[in-house]
């Protein structure tokens, strides 16, 4: 099954304020669910931080 992304379950504690913000995004139909909000946020953070880290080594 080429191209299939494996997703692992990760459990973490998130402040209630962040959860409320995620719910607002889901209720406004920006994202289908909270999991997708978290996936996008982590992806974007890693893109930014890893780019900074790579450029720092140059």
C-alpha atoms as a PDB file:
ATOM      1  CA  UNK A   1       0.000   0.000   0.000  1.00  0.00           C
ATOM      2  CA  UNK A   2       2.253   2.735  -1.242  1.00  0.00           C
ATOM      3  CA  UNK A   3       1.367   6.305  -0.313  1.00  0.00           C
ATOM      4  CA  UNK A   4      -0.628   5.364   2.781  1.00  0.00           C
ATOM      5  CA  UNK A   5       0.418   7.464   5.767  1.00  0.00           C
ATOM      6  CA  UNK A   6       0.569   5.692   9.088  1.00  0.00           C
ATOM      7  CA  UNK A   7      -0.894   7.713  11.919  1.00  0.00           C
ATOM      8  CA  UNK A   8      -0.019   6.917  15.518  1.00  0.00           C
ATOM      9  CA  UNK A   9      -2.042   7.843  18.553  1.00  0.00           C
ATOM     10  CA  UNK A  10      -0.346  10.370  20.831  1.00  0.00           C
ATOM     11  CA  UNK A  11      -1.894  11.410  24.110  1.00  0.00           C
ATOM     12  CA  UNK A  12      -1.148  14.827  25.578  1.00  0.00           C
ATOM     13  CA  UNK A  13      -2.594  17.307  28.018  1.00  0.00           C
ATOM     14  CA  UNK A  14      -3.847  20.529  26.441  1.00  0.00           C
ATOM     15  CA  UNK A  15      -5.065  23.610  28.317  1.00  0.00           C
ATOM     16  CA  UNK A  16      -8.835  24.099  28.247  1.00  0.00           C
ATOM     17  CA  UNK A  17      -8.356  27.481  26.559  1.00  0.00           C
ATOM     18  CA  UNK A  18      -6.667  25.796  23.579  1.00  0.00           C
ATOM     19  CA  UNK A  19      -9.408  23.182  23.335  1.00  0.00           C
ATOM     20  CA  UNK A  20     -12.032  25.928  23.263  1.00  0.00           C
ATOM     21  CA  UNK A  21     -10.119  27.624  20.450  1.00  0.00           C
ATOM     22  CA  UNK A  22      -9.944  24.363  18.517  1.00  0.00           C
ATOM     23  CA  UNK A  23     -13.689  23.861  19.001  1.00  0.00           C
ATOM     24  CA  UNK A  24     -14.309  27.341  17.581  1.00  0.00           C
ATOM     25  CA  UNK A  25     -12.316  26.453  14.463  1.00  0.00           C
ATOM     26  CA  UNK A  26     -14.196  23.165  14.062  1.00  0.00           C
ATOM     27  CA  UNK A  27     -17.593  24.795  14.647  1.00  0.00           C
ATOM     28  CA  UNK A  28     -16.734  27.452  12.047  1.00  0.00           C
ATOM     29  CA  UNK A  29     -15.967  24.611   9.598  1.00  0.00           C
ATOM     30  CA  UNK A  30     -12.303  25.547   9.189  1.00  0.00           C
ATOM     31  CA  UNK A  31     -11.391  21.969  10.137  1.00  0.00           C
ATOM     32  CA  UNK A  32     -13.418  18.738  10.274  1.00  0.00           C
ATOM     33  CA  UNK A  33     -12.327  17.884  13.845  1.00  0.00           C
ATOM     34  CA  UNK A  34      -9.888  18.732  16.648  1.00  0.00           C
ATOM     35  CA  UNK A  35      -7.454  16.038  15.550  1.00  0.00           C
ATOM     36  CA  UNK A  36      -7.022  17.755  12.205  1.00  0.00           C
ATOM     37  CA  UNK A  37      -6.434  21.105  13.940  1.00  0.00           C
ATOM     38  CA  UNK A  38      -3.642  19.513  15.968  1.00  0.00           C
ATOM     39  CA  UNK A  39      -2.118  17.728  12.944  1.00  0.00           C
ATOM     40  CA  UNK A  40      -1.999  20.969  10.942  1.00  0.00           C
ATOM     41  CA  UNK A  41      -0.562  22.921  13.885  1.00  0.00           C
ATOM     42  CA  UNK A  42       2.175  20.342  14.504  1.00  0.00           C
ATOM     43  CA  UNK A  43       2.990  20.102  10.792  1.00  0.00           C
ATOM     44  CA  UNK A  44       3.304  23.877  10.457  1.00  0.00           C
ATOM     45  CA  UNK A  45       5.392  24.151  13.632  1.00  0.00           C
ATOM     46  CA  UNK A  46       7.794  21.464  12.450  1.00  0.00           C
ATOM     47  CA  UNK A  47       8.156  23.059   9.006  1.00  0.00           C
ATOM     48  CA  UNK A  48       9.049  26.393  10.587  1.00  0.00           C
ATOM     49  CA  UNK A  49      11.260  25.144  13.397  1.00  0.00           C
ATOM     50  CA  UNK A  50      13.148  22.604  11.307  1.00  0.00           C
ATOM     51  CA  UNK A  51      13.787  25.214   8.614  1.00  0.00           C
ATOM     52  CA  UNK A  52      15.235  27.531  11.270  1.00  0.00           C
ATOM     53  CA  UNK A  53      17.335  24.689  12.659  1.00  0.00           C
ATOM     54  CA  UNK A  54      18.684  23.753   9.216  1.00  0.00           C
ATOM     55  CA  UNK A  55      19.468  27.387   8.346  1.00  0.00           C
ATOM     56  CA  UNK A  56      21.154  27.845  11.717  1.00  0.00           C
ATOM     57  CA  UNK A  57      23.657  25.109  10.851  1.00  0.00           C
ATOM     58  CA  UNK A  58      24.630  26.811   7.550  1.00  0.00           C
END
